[in-house]
PDB file of N, CA and C in Angstrom:
ATOM      1  N   UNK A   1     -76.261 -20.496  95.074  1.00  0.00           N
ATOM      2  CA  UNK A   1     -76.840 -21.503  94.330  1.00  0.00           C
ATOM      3  C   UNK A   1     -78.288 -21.938  94.917  1.00  0.00           C
ATOM      4  N   UNK A   2     -78.329 -22.084  96.020  1.00  0.00           N
ATOM      5  CA  UNK A   2     -79.479 -22.619  96.563  1.00  0.00           C
ATOM      6  C   UNK A   2     -80.792 -21.753  96.826  1.00  0.00           C
ATOM      7  N   UNK A   3     -80.585 -20.494  96.868  1.00  0.00           N
ATOM      8  CA  UNK A   3     -81.632 -19.569  97.033  1.00  0.00           C
ATOM      9  C   UNK A   3     -82.469 -19.295  95.838  1.00  0.00           C
ATOM     10  N   UNK A   4     -82.018 -19.405  94.599  1.00  0.00           N
ATOM     11  CA  UNK A   4     -82.780 -19.236  93.476  1.00  0.00           C
ATOM     12  C   UNK A   4     -82.995 -17.706  93.261  1.00  0.00           C
ATOM     13  N   UNK A   5     -82.194 -16.899  93.643  1.00  0.00           N
ATOM     14  CA  UNK A   5     -82.319 -15.362  93.466  1.00  0.00           C
ATOM     15  C   UNK A   5     -82.042 -15.069  91.944  1.00  0.00           C
ATOM     16  N   UNK A   6     -81.174 -15.732  91.492  1.00  0.00           N
ATOM     17  CA  UNK A   6     -80.746 -15.482  89.998  1.00  0.00           C
ATOM     18  C   UNK A   6     -81.321 -16.415  89.096  1.00  0.00           C
ATOM     19  N   UNK A   7     -81.834 -15.842  88.000  1.00  0.00           N
ATOM     20  CA  UNK A   7     -82.456 -16.685  87.046  1.00  0.00           C
ATOM     21  C   UNK A   7     -81.896 -16.241  85.648  1.00  0.00           C
ATOM     22  N   UNK A   8     -81.536 -17.361  85.050  1.00  0.00           N
ATOM     23  CA  UNK A   8     -80.963 -17.152  83.645  1.00  0.00           C
ATOM     24  C   UNK A   8     -81.886 -17.872  82.617  1.00  0.00           C
ATOM     25  N   UNK A   9     -82.281 -16.919  81.692  1.00  0.00           N
ATOM     26  CA  UNK A   9     -83.167 -17.387  80.591  1.00  0.00           C
ATOM     27  C   UNK A   9     -82.522 -17.172  79.279  1.00  0.00           C
ATOM     28  N   UNK A  10     -82.541 -17.939  78.431  1.00  0.00           N
ATOM     29  CA  UNK A  10     -82.017 -17.713  77.037  1.00  0.00           C
ATOM     30  C   UNK A  10     -82.864 -18.220  76.009  1.00  0.00           C
ATOM     31  N   UNK A  11     -83.260 -17.354  75.135  1.00  0.00           N
ATOM     32  CA  UNK A  11     -84.024 -17.817  73.992  1.00  0.00           C
ATOM     33  C   UNK A  11     -83.153 -17.712  72.775  1.00  0.00           C
ATOM     34  N   UNK A  12     -83.034 -18.967  72.132  1.00  0.00           N
ATOM     35  CA  UNK A  12     -82.212 -19.001  70.852  1.00  0.00           C
ATOM     36  C   UNK A  12     -82.699 -18.094  69.806  1.00  0.00           C
ATOM     37  N   UNK A  13     -81.848 -17.476  69.143  1.00  0.00           N
ATOM     38  CA  UNK A  13     -82.399 -16.668  67.912  1.00  0.00           C
ATOM     39  C   UNK A  13     -83.123 -17.672  67.080  1.00  0.00           C
ATOM     40  N   UNK A  14     -84.200 -17.084  66.416  1.00  0.00           N
ATOM     41  CA  UNK A  14     -84.919 -17.905  65.478  1.00  0.00           C
ATOM     42  C   UNK A  14     -84.297 -17.980  64.196  1.00  0.00           C
ATOM     43  N   UNK A  15     -84.181 -19.033  63.645  1.00  0.00           N
ATOM     44  CA  UNK A  15     -83.476 -19.087  62.270  1.00  0.00           C
ATOM     45  C   UNK A  15     -84.410 -18.578  61.212  1.00  0.00           C
ATOM     46  N   UNK A  16     -83.762 -17.740  60.403  1.00  0.00           N
ATOM     47  CA  UNK A  16     -84.722 -17.234  59.208  1.00  0.00           C
ATOM     48  C   UNK A  16     -84.695 -18.433  58.180  1.00  0.00           C
ATOM     49  N   UNK A  17     -85.966 -18.225  57.489  1.00  0.00           N
ATOM     50  CA  UNK A  17     -86.108 -19.292  56.505  1.00  0.00           C
ATOM     51  C   UNK A  17     -85.068 -19.085  55.279  1.00  0.00           C
ATOM     52  N   UNK A  18     -84.675 -20.156  54.736  1.00  0.00           N
ATOM     53  CA  UNK A  18     -83.732 -20.036  53.684  1.00  0.00           C
ATOM     54  C   UNK A  18     -84.174 -19.172  52.533  1.00  0.00           C
ATOM     55  N   UNK A  19     -85.654 -19.101  52.340  1.00  0.00           N
ATOM     56  CA  UNK A  19     -86.170 -18.246  51.295  1.00  0.00           C
ATOM     57  C   UNK A  19     -85.925 -16.643  51.739  1.00  0.00           C
ATOM     58  N   UNK A  20     -85.781 -16.410  52.877  1.00  0.00           N
ATOM     59  CA  UNK A  20     -85.640 -15.136  53.317  1.00  0.00           C
ATOM     60  C   UNK A  20     -84.184 -14.510  53.254  1.00  0.00           C
ATOM     61  N   UNK A  21     -83.279 -15.620  53.087  1.00  0.00           N
ATOM     62  CA  UNK A  21     -81.854 -15.178  53.031  1.00  0.00           C
ATOM     63  C   UNK A  21     -81.480 -14.425  51.766  1.00  0.00           C
ATOM     64  N   UNK A  22     -80.937 -13.188  51.905  1.00  0.00           N
ATOM     65  CA  UNK A  22     -80.519 -12.511  50.559  1.00  0.00           C
ATOM     66  C   UNK A  22     -79.661 -13.279  49.704  1.00  0.00           C
ATOM     67  N   UNK A  23     -79.882 -13.140  48.419  1.00  0.00           N
ATOM     68  CA  UNK A  23     -78.876 -13.932  47.572  1.00  0.00           C
ATOM     69  C   UNK A  23     -77.776 -12.989  47.343  1.00  0.00           C
ATOM     70  N   UNK A  24     -76.625 -13.576  46.747  1.00  0.00           N
ATOM     71  CA  UNK A  24     -75.638 -12.846  46.390  1.00  0.00           C
ATOM     72  C   UNK A  24     -75.938 -11.581  45.410  1.00  0.00           C
ATOM     73  N   UNK A  25     -76.935 -11.751  44.606  1.00  0.00           N
ATOM     74  CA  UNK A  25     -77.303 -10.800  43.662  1.00  0.00           C
ATOM     75  C   UNK A  25     -78.000  -9.627  44.641  1.00  0.00           C
ATOM     76  N   UNK A  26     -78.899  -9.969  45.326  1.00  0.00           N
ATOM     77  CA  UNK A  26     -79.433  -9.003  46.379  1.00  0.00           C
ATOM     78  C   UNK A  26     -78.524  -8.264  47.016  1.00  0.00           C
ATOM     79  N   UNK A  27     -77.541  -8.943  47.724  1.00  0.00           N
ATOM     80  CA  UNK A  27     -76.532  -8.328  48.445  1.00  0.00           C
ATOM     81  C   UNK A  27     -75.681  -7.220  47.542  1.00  0.00           C
ATOM     82  N   UNK A  28     -75.395  -7.750  46.467  1.00  0.00           N
ATOM     83  CA  UNK A  28     -74.643  -6.841  45.370  1.00  0.00           C
ATOM     84  C   UNK A  28     -75.411  -5.634  45.074  1.00  0.00           C
ATOM     85  N   UNK A  29     -76.761  -5.749  44.766  1.00  0.00           N
ATOM     86  CA  UNK A  29     -77.587  -4.666  44.456  1.00  0.00           C
ATOM     87  C   UNK A  29     -77.786  -3.760  45.560  1.00  0.00           C
ATOM     88  N   UNK A  30     -77.898  -4.243  46.827  1.00  0.00           N
ATOM     89  CA  UNK A  30     -78.018  -3.463  48.009  1.00  0.00           C
ATOM     90  C   UNK A  30     -76.635  -2.752  48.237  1.00  0.00           C
ATOM     91  N   UNK A  31     -75.584  -3.381  47.983  1.00  0.00           N
ATOM     92  CA  UNK A  31     -74.228  -2.719  48.301  1.00  0.00           C
ATOM     93  C   UNK A  31     -74.033  -1.571  47.279  1.00  0.00           C
ATOM     94  N   UNK A  32     -74.463  -1.773  46.090  1.00  0.00           N
ATOM     95  CA  UNK A  32     -74.252  -0.899  44.994  1.00  0.00           C
ATOM     96  C   UNK A  32     -75.192   0.321  45.371  1.00  0.00           C
ATOM     97  N   UNK A  33     -76.327   0.098  45.734  1.00  0.00           N
ATOM     98  CA  UNK A  33     -77.344   1.264  46.095  1.00  0.00           C
ATOM     99  C   UNK A  33     -76.709   2.185  47.286  1.00  0.00           C
ATOM    100  N   UNK A  34     -76.198   1.285  48.295  1.00  0.00           N
ATOM    101  CA  UNK A  34     -75.617   1.990  49.429  1.00  0.00           C
ATOM    102  C   UNK A  34     -74.397   2.849  49.020  1.00  0.00           C
ATOM    103  N   UNK A  35     -73.585   2.242  48.105  1.00  0.00           N
ATOM    104  CA  UNK A  35     -72.313   3.000  47.676  1.00  0.00           C
ATOM    105  C   UNK A  35     -72.766   4.187  46.930  1.00  0.00           C
ATOM    106  N   UNK A  36     -73.727   4.014  46.011  1.00  0.00           N
ATOM    107  CA  UNK A  36     -74.122   5.236  45.230  1.00  0.00           C
ATOM    108  C   UNK A  36     -74.701   6.348  46.265  1.00  0.00           C
ATOM    109  N   UNK A  37     -75.522   5.839  47.232  1.00  0.00           N
ATOM    110  CA  UNK A  37     -76.051   7.047  48.175  1.00  0.00           C
ATOM    111  C   UNK A  37     -74.887   7.674  48.968  1.00  0.00           C
ATOM    112  N   UNK A  38     -73.945   6.807  49.301  1.00  0.00           N
ATOM    113  CA  UNK A  38     -72.576   7.333  50.171  1.00  0.00           C
ATOM    114  C   UNK A  38     -71.913   8.390  49.268  1.00  0.00           C
ATOM    115  N   UNK A  39     -71.786   7.878  48.012  1.00  0.00           N
ATOM    116  CA  UNK A  39     -70.973   8.686  47.026  1.00  0.00           C
ATOM    117  C   UNK A  39     -71.689  10.025  46.780  1.00  0.00           C
ATOM    118  N   UNK A  40     -72.995  10.035  46.505  1.00  0.00           N
ATOM    119  CA  UNK A  40     -73.743  11.169  46.352  1.00  0.00           C
ATOM    120  C   UNK A  40     -73.735  12.122  47.532  1.00  0.00           C
ATOM    121  N   UNK A  41     -73.746  11.559  48.665  1.00  0.00           N
ATOM    122  CA  UNK A  41     -73.586  12.373  49.986  1.00  0.00           C
ATOM    123  C   UNK A  41     -72.261  13.117  50.027  1.00  0.00           C
ATOM    124  N   UNK A  42     -71.153  12.235  49.764  1.00  0.00           N
ATOM    125  CA  UNK A  42     -69.824  12.721  49.778  1.00  0.00           C
ATOM    126  C   UNK A  42     -69.533  13.882  48.731  1.00  0.00           C
ATOM    127  N   UNK A  43     -70.168  13.655  47.468  1.00  0.00           N
ATOM    128  CA  UNK A  43     -69.869  14.536  46.462  1.00  0.00           C
ATOM    129  C   UNK A  43     -70.738  15.833  46.545  1.00  0.00           C
ATOM    130  N   UNK A  44     -71.749  15.839  47.419  1.00  0.00           N
ATOM    131  CA  UNK A  44     -72.458  17.048  47.570  1.00  0.00           C
ATOM    132  C   UNK A  44     -71.671  17.953  48.694  1.00  0.00           C
ATOM    133  N   UNK A  45     -70.859  17.341  49.523  1.00  0.00           N
ATOM    134  CA  UNK A  45     -70.006  18.206  50.297  1.00  0.00           C
ATOM    135  C   UNK A  45     -68.724  18.686  49.659  1.00  0.00           C
ATOM    136  N   UNK A  46     -68.458  20.022  49.989  1.00  0.00           N
ATOM    137  CA  UNK A  46     -67.120  20.429  49.466  1.00  0.00           C
ATOM    138  C   UNK A  46     -65.956  19.772  50.025  1.00  0.00           C
ATOM    139  N   UNK A  47     -64.895  19.543  48.978  1.00  0.00           N
ATOM    140  CA  UNK A  47     -63.668  18.756  49.432  1.00  0.00           C
ATOM    141  C   UNK A  47     -62.883  19.757  50.225  1.00  0.00           C
ATOM    142  N   UNK A  48     -62.517  19.400  51.633  1.00  0.00           N
ATOM    143  CA  UNK A  48     -61.707  20.267  52.458  1.00  0.00           C
ATOM    144  C   UNK A  48     -60.321  19.816  52.605  1.00  0.00           C
ATOM    145  N   UNK A  49     -59.907  18.517  52.158  1.00  0.00           N
ATOM    146  CA  UNK A  49     -58.643  18.103  52.396  1.00  0.00           C
ATOM    147  C   UNK A  49     -58.535  17.010  53.505  1.00  0.00           C
ATOM    148  N   UNK A  50     -57.389  16.542  53.731  1.00  0.00           N
ATOM    149  CA  UNK A  50     -57.132  15.578  54.770  1.00  0.00           C
ATOM    150  C   UNK A  50     -57.200  16.270  56.050  1.00  0.00           C
ATOM    151  N   UNK A  51     -57.997  15.613  57.023  1.00  0.00           N
ATOM    152  CA  UNK A  51     -58.231  16.230  58.279  1.00  0.00           C
ATOM    153  C   UNK A  51     -57.779  15.165  59.487  1.00  0.00           C
ATOM    154  N   UNK A  52     -57.467  16.009  60.531  1.00  0.00           N
ATOM    155  CA  UNK A  52     -57.067  15.295  61.768  1.00  0.00           C
ATOM    156  C   UNK A  52     -58.128  15.923  62.813  1.00  0.00           C
ATOM    157  N   UNK A  53     -58.994  15.122  63.243  1.00  0.00           N
ATOM    158  CA  UNK A  53     -60.028  15.593  64.248  1.00  0.00           C
ATOM    159  C   UNK A  53     -60.802  16.722  63.725  1.00  0.00           C
ATOM    160  N   UNK A  54     -61.034  16.703  62.245  1.00  0.00           N
ATOM    161  CA  UNK A  54     -61.919  17.638  61.621  1.00  0.00           C
ATOM    162  C   UNK A  54     -61.237  19.005  61.261  1.00  0.00           C
ATOM    163  N   UNK A  55     -59.848  18.892  61.568  1.00  0.00           N
ATOM    164  CA  UNK A  55     -59.005  20.178  61.159  1.00  0.00           C
ATOM    165  C   UNK A  55     -58.280  19.904  60.040  1.00  0.00           C
ATOM    166  N   UNK A  56     -58.179  20.663  58.930  1.00  0.00           N
ATOM    167  CA  UNK A  56     -57.459  20.496  57.811  1.00  0.00           C
ATOM    168  C   UNK A  56     -56.034  20.634  58.134  1.00  0.00           C
ATOM    169  N   UNK A  57     -55.097  19.610  57.648  1.00  0.00           N
ATOM    170  CA  UNK A  57     -53.746  19.714  57.593  1.00  0.00           C
ATOM    171  C   UNK A  57     -53.163  20.231  56.292  1.00  0.00           C
ATOM    172  N   UNK A  58     -52.897  21.510  56.125  1.00  0.00           N
ATOM    173  CA  UNK A  58     -52.657  22.017  54.867  1.00  0.00           C
ATOM    174  C   UNK A  58     -51.239  21.433  54.327  1.00  0.00           C
ATOM    175  N   UNK A  59     -51.231  21.216  52.976  1.00  0.00           N
ATOM    176  CA  UNK A  59     -49.958  20.798  52.440  1.00  0.00           C
ATOM    177  C   UNK A  59     -49.415  19.394  52.731  1.00  0.00           C
ATOM    178  N   UNK A  60     -50.240  18.611  53.409  1.00  0.00           N
ATOM    179  CA  UNK A  60     -49.796  17.295  54.021  1.00  0.00           C
ATOM    180  C   UNK A  60     -49.580  16.350  52.788  1.00  0.00           C
ATOM    181  N   UNK A  61     -50.518  16.415  51.790  1.00  0.00           N
ATOM    182  CA  UNK A  61     -50.136  15.548  50.609  1.00  0.00           C
ATOM    183  C   UNK A  61     -50.438  16.397  49.320  1.00  0.00           C
ATOM    184  N   UNK A  62     -49.522  17.235  49.057  1.00  0.00           N
ATOM    185  CA  UNK A  62     -49.711  18.125  47.909  1.00  0.00           C
ATOM    186  C   UNK A  62     -49.646  17.264  46.583  1.00  0.00           C
ATOM    187  N   UNK A  63     -50.367  17.657  45.599  1.00  0.00           N
ATOM    188  CA  UNK A  63     -50.448  16.957  44.299  1.00  0.00           C
ATOM    189  C   UNK A  63     -49.303  17.587  43.542  1.00  0.00           C
ATOM    190  N   UNK A  64     -48.429  16.744  43.138  1.00  0.00           N
ATOM    191  CA  UNK A  64     -47.313  17.271  42.448  1.00  0.00           C
ATOM    192  C   UNK A  64     -46.615  16.061  41.588  1.00  0.00           C
ATOM    193  N   UNK A  65     -45.823  16.442  40.474  1.00  0.00           N
ATOM    194  CA  UNK A  65     -45.390  15.377  39.780  1.00  0.00           C
ATOM    195  C   UNK A  65     -44.141  14.810  40.458  1.00  0.00           C
ATOM    196  N   UNK A  66     -44.004  13.605  40.471  1.00  0.00           N
ATOM    197  CA  UNK A  66     -42.726  12.959  41.092  1.00  0.00           C
ATOM    198  C   UNK A  66     -41.694  12.719  40.147  1.00  0.00           C
ATOM    199  N   UNK A  67     -42.023  12.868  38.851  1.00  0.00           N
ATOM    200  CA  UNK A  67     -41.093  12.615  37.725  1.00  0.00           C
ATOM    201  C   UNK A  67     -41.119  11.220  37.256  1.00  0.00           C
ATOM    202  N   UNK A  68     -41.956  10.256  37.891  1.00  0.00           N
ATOM    203  CA  UNK A  68     -42.005   8.853  37.787  1.00  0.00           C
ATOM    204  C   UNK A  68     -43.156   8.707  36.800  1.00  0.00           C
ATOM    205  N   UNK A  69     -43.044   8.102  35.679  1.00  0.00           N
ATOM    206  CA  UNK A  69     -44.237   7.887  34.582  1.00  0.00           C
ATOM    207  C   UNK A  69     -45.203   6.731  35.173  1.00  0.00           C
ATOM    208  N   UNK A  70     -46.440   7.016  34.976  1.00  0.00           N
ATOM    209  CA  UNK A  70     -47.305   5.994  35.363  1.00  0.00           C
ATOM    210  C   UNK A  70     -47.643   5.093  34.113  1.00  0.00           C
ATOM    211  N   UNK A  71     -47.083   5.339  33.025  1.00  0.00           N
ATOM    212  CA  UNK A  71     -47.292   4.649  31.889  1.00  0.00           C
ATOM    213  C   UNK A  71     -46.984   3.203  31.962  1.00  0.00           C
ATOM    214  N   UNK A  72     -46.006   2.666  32.736  1.00  0.00           N
ATOM    215  CA  UNK A  72     -45.718   1.272  32.786  1.00  0.00           C
ATOM    216  C   UNK A  72     -46.964   0.564  33.652  1.00  0.00           C
ATOM    217  N   UNK A  73     -47.414   1.341  34.568  1.00  0.00           N
ATOM    218  CA  UNK A  73     -48.566   0.658  35.333  1.00  0.00           C
ATOM    219  C   UNK A  73     -49.789   0.700  34.534  1.00  0.00           C
ATOM    220  N   UNK A  74     -49.982   1.594  33.714  1.00  0.00           N
ATOM    221  CA  UNK A  74     -51.237   1.540  32.732  1.00  0.00           C
ATOM    222  C   UNK A  74     -51.164   0.431  31.811  1.00  0.00           C
ATOM    223  N   UNK A  75     -49.936   0.286  31.295  1.00  0.00           N
ATOM    224  CA  UNK A  75     -49.629  -0.762  30.179  1.00  0.00           C
ATOM    225  C   UNK A  75     -49.864  -2.039  30.976  1.00  0.00           C
ATOM    226  N   UNK A  76     -49.357  -2.235  32.084  1.00  0.00           N
ATOM    227  CA  UNK A  76     -49.524  -3.465  32.855  1.00  0.00           C
ATOM    228  C   UNK A  76     -50.897  -3.955  33.140  1.00  0.00           C
ATOM    229  N   UNK A  77     -51.754  -2.905  33.446  1.00  0.00           N
ATOM    230  CA  UNK A  77     -53.207  -3.129  33.634  1.00  0.00           C
ATOM    231  C   UNK A  77     -53.929  -3.422  32.612  1.00  0.00           C
ATOM    232  N   UNK A  78     -53.526  -2.803  31.530  1.00  0.00           N
ATOM    233  CA  UNK A  78     -54.230  -3.106  30.139  1.00  0.00           C
ATOM    234  C   UNK A  78     -53.904  -4.495  29.633  1.00  0.00           C
ATOM    235  N   UNK A  79     -52.569  -4.869  29.793  1.00  0.00           N
ATOM    236  CA  UNK A  79     -52.194  -6.224  29.477  1.00  0.00           C
ATOM    237  C   UNK A  79     -52.868  -7.283  30.301  1.00  0.00           C
ATOM    238  N   UNK A  80     -53.112  -7.017  31.678  1.00  0.00           N
ATOM    239  CA  UNK A  80     -53.830  -7.846  32.505  1.00  0.00           C
ATOM    240  C   UNK A  80     -55.302  -8.155  32.014  1.00  0.00           C
ATOM    241  N   UNK A  81     -55.909  -6.852  31.798  1.00  0.00           N
ATOM    242  CA  UNK A  81     -57.339  -6.957  31.514  1.00  0.00           C
ATOM    243  C   UNK A  81     -57.496  -7.659  29.973  1.00  0.00           C
ATOM    244  N   UNK A  82     -56.431  -7.436  29.134  1.00  0.00           N
ATOM    245  CA  UNK A  82     -56.697  -8.153  27.787  1.00  0.00           C
ATOM    246  C   UNK A  82     -56.343  -9.668  27.868  1.00  0.00           C
ATOM    247  N   UNK A  83     -55.773 -10.177  29.027  1.00  0.00           N
ATOM    248  CA  UNK A  83     -55.405 -11.452  29.133  1.00  0.00           C
ATOM    249  C   UNK A  83     -56.606 -12.365  29.762  1.00  0.00           C
ATOM    250  N   UNK A  84     -57.591 -11.681  30.277  1.00  0.00           N
ATOM    251  CA  UNK A  84     -58.571 -12.209  30.896  1.00  0.00           C
ATOM    252  C   UNK A  84     -59.498 -12.933  29.799  1.00  0.00           C
ATOM    253  N   UNK A  85     -59.933 -14.095  30.182  1.00  0.00           N
ATOM    254  CA  UNK A  85     -60.838 -14.951  29.231  1.00  0.00           C
ATOM    255  C   UNK A  85     -62.120 -15.254  29.867  1.00  0.00           C
ATOM    256  N   UNK A  86     -63.179 -15.722  29.135  1.00  0.00           N
ATOM    257  CA  UNK A  86     -64.266 -16.455  29.667  1.00  0.00           C
ATOM    258  C   UNK A  86     -65.069 -15.514  30.700  1.00  0.00           C
ATOM    259  N   UNK A  87     -65.362 -16.025  31.819  1.00  0.00           N
ATOM    260  CA  UNK A  87     -65.970 -15.224  32.836  1.00  0.00           C
ATOM    261  C   UNK A  87     -65.009 -14.473  33.682  1.00  0.00           C
ATOM    262  N   UNK A  88     -63.710 -14.550  33.522  1.00  0.00           N
ATOM    263  CA  UNK A  88     -62.810 -13.896  34.368  1.00  0.00           C
ATOM    264  C   UNK A  88     -62.943 -12.331  34.525  1.00  0.00           C
ATOM    265  N   UNK A  89     -63.488 -11.662  33.431  1.00  0.00           N
ATOM    266  CA  UNK A  89     -63.634 -10.319  33.589  1.00  0.00           C
ATOM    267  C   UNK A  89     -64.693  -9.902  34.516  1.00  0.00           C
ATOM    268  N   UNK A  90     -65.724 -10.787  34.474  1.00  0.00           N
ATOM    269  CA  UNK A  90     -66.870 -10.513  35.503  1.00  0.00           C
ATOM    270  C   UNK A  90     -66.517 -10.752  37.004  1.00  0.00           C
ATOM    271  N   UNK A  91     -65.590 -11.682  37.251  1.00  0.00           N
ATOM    272  CA  UNK A  91     -64.959 -11.894  38.584  1.00  0.00           C
ATOM    273  C   UNK A  91     -64.104 -10.790  38.923  1.00  0.00           C
ATOM    274  N   UNK A  92     -63.173 -10.550  38.025  1.00  0.00           N
ATOM    275  CA  UNK A  92     -62.152  -9.497  38.453  1.00  0.00           C
ATOM    276  C   UNK A  92     -62.688  -8.067  38.523  1.00  0.00           C
ATOM    277  N   UNK A  93     -63.671  -7.701  37.704  1.00  0.00           N
ATOM    278  CA  UNK A  93     -64.118  -6.362  37.505  1.00  0.00           C
ATOM    279  C   UNK A  93     -65.627  -6.374  38.025  1.00  0.00           C
ATOM    280  N   UNK A  94     -65.932  -5.383  38.876  1.00  0.00           N
ATOM    281  CA  UNK A  94     -67.265  -5.219  39.239  1.00  0.00           C
ATOM    282  C   UNK A  94     -68.043  -4.759  38.081  1.00  0.00           C
ATOM    283  N   UNK A  95     -69.248  -5.230  37.828  1.00  0.00           N
ATOM    284  CA  UNK A  95     -70.215  -4.881  36.678  1.00  0.00           C
ATOM    285  C   UNK A  95     -70.829  -3.557  37.285  1.00  0.00           C
ATOM    286  N   UNK A  96     -70.500  -2.431  36.870  1.00  0.00           N
ATOM    287  CA  UNK A  96     -71.266  -1.336  37.274  1.00  0.00           C
ATOM    288  C   UNK A  96     -71.656  -0.404  36.082  1.00  0.00           C
ATOM    289  N   UNK A  97     -72.759   0.352  36.170  1.00  0.00           N
ATOM    290  CA  UNK A  97     -73.178   1.017  35.066  1.00  0.00           C
ATOM    291  C   UNK A  97     -72.219   2.129  34.907  1.00  0.00           C
ATOM    292  N   UNK A  98     -72.194   2.632  33.603  1.00  0.00           N
ATOM    293  CA  UNK A  98     -71.078   3.734  33.442  1.00  0.00           C
ATOM    294  C   UNK A  98     -71.538   4.897  33.955  1.00  0.00           C
ATOM    295  N   UNK A  99     -70.423   5.688  34.421  1.00  0.00           N
ATOM    296  CA  UNK A  99     -70.691   7.099  35.101  1.00  0.00           C
ATOM    297  C   UNK A  99     -70.896   7.922  34.122  1.00  0.00           C
ATOM    298  N   UNK A 100     -71.874   9.090  34.491  1.00  0.00           N
ATOM    299  CA  UNK A 100     -71.980  10.140  33.676  1.00  0.00           C
ATOM    300  C   UNK A 100     -70.971  11.019  33.480  1.00  0.00           C
ATOM    301  N   UNK A 101     -70.038  11.047  34.565  1.00  0.00           N
ATOM    302  CA  UNK A 101     -68.904  11.969  34.497  1.00  0.00           C
ATOM    303  C   UNK A 101     -67.951  11.394  35.561  1.00  0.00           C
ATOM    304  N   UNK A 102     -66.689  11.718  35.541  1.00  0.00           N
ATOM    305  CA  UNK A 102     -65.746  11.250  36.490  1.00  0.00           C
ATOM    306  C   UNK A 102     -65.815  11.985  37.830  1.00  0.00           C
ATOM    307  N   UNK A 103     -66.202  11.368  38.926  1.00  0.00           N
ATOM    308  CA  UNK A 103     -66.375  12.131  40.182  1.00  0.00           C
ATOM    309  C   UNK A 103     -64.786  12.346  40.791  1.00  0.00           C
ATOM    310  N   UNK A 104     -63.901  11.599  40.374  1.00  0.00           N
ATOM    311  CA  UNK A 104     -62.637  11.578  40.936  1.00  0.00           C
ATOM    312  C   UNK A 104     -61.625  12.023  39.856  1.00  0.00           C
ATOM    313  N   UNK A 105     -60.424  12.581  40.276  1.00  0.00           N
ATOM    314  CA  UNK A 105     -59.405  12.895  39.346  1.00  0.00           C
ATOM    315  C   UNK A 105     -58.191  12.173  39.582  1.00  0.00           C
ATOM    316  N   UNK A 106     -57.419  11.890  38.613  1.00  0.00           N
ATOM    317  CA  UNK A 106     -56.191  11.101  38.876  1.00  0.00           C
ATOM    318  C   UNK A 106     -55.047  11.944  38.289  1.00  0.00           C
ATOM    319  N   UNK A 107     -54.090  12.177  39.303  1.00  0.00           N
ATOM    320  CA  UNK A 107     -52.952  13.007  39.069  1.00  0.00           C
ATOM    321  C   UNK A 107     -51.969  12.067  38.228  1.00  0.00           C
ATOM    322  N   UNK A 108     -51.548  12.581  36.986  1.00  0.00           N
ATOM    323  CA  UNK A 108     -50.573  11.923  36.279  1.00  0.00           C
ATOM    324  C   UNK A 108     -49.165  12.286  36.517  1.00  0.00           C
TER     325      UNK A 108
END
């Protein structure tokens, strides 16, 4: 303590002005843009499957019919969406521009 060999300096981070803080709309737009860019990069690469350490594990999750209908799940989702009123759809569902084509497939 007495020798003064050690010196501790601390500069508090400067607070950003409130006007510089991104708004929720700014953050949503930035996230959407980042998501689109990541999606485009991912879709540009060929799908190789589920990997472990970069090596494909063949047959790990085969796409096959389980014999269980997805119709009850679809009906429940439609009923839920139809029950939304006022601003609820905006809160529950993200507002995204329509896709030009489905990048993903859903096994039925």
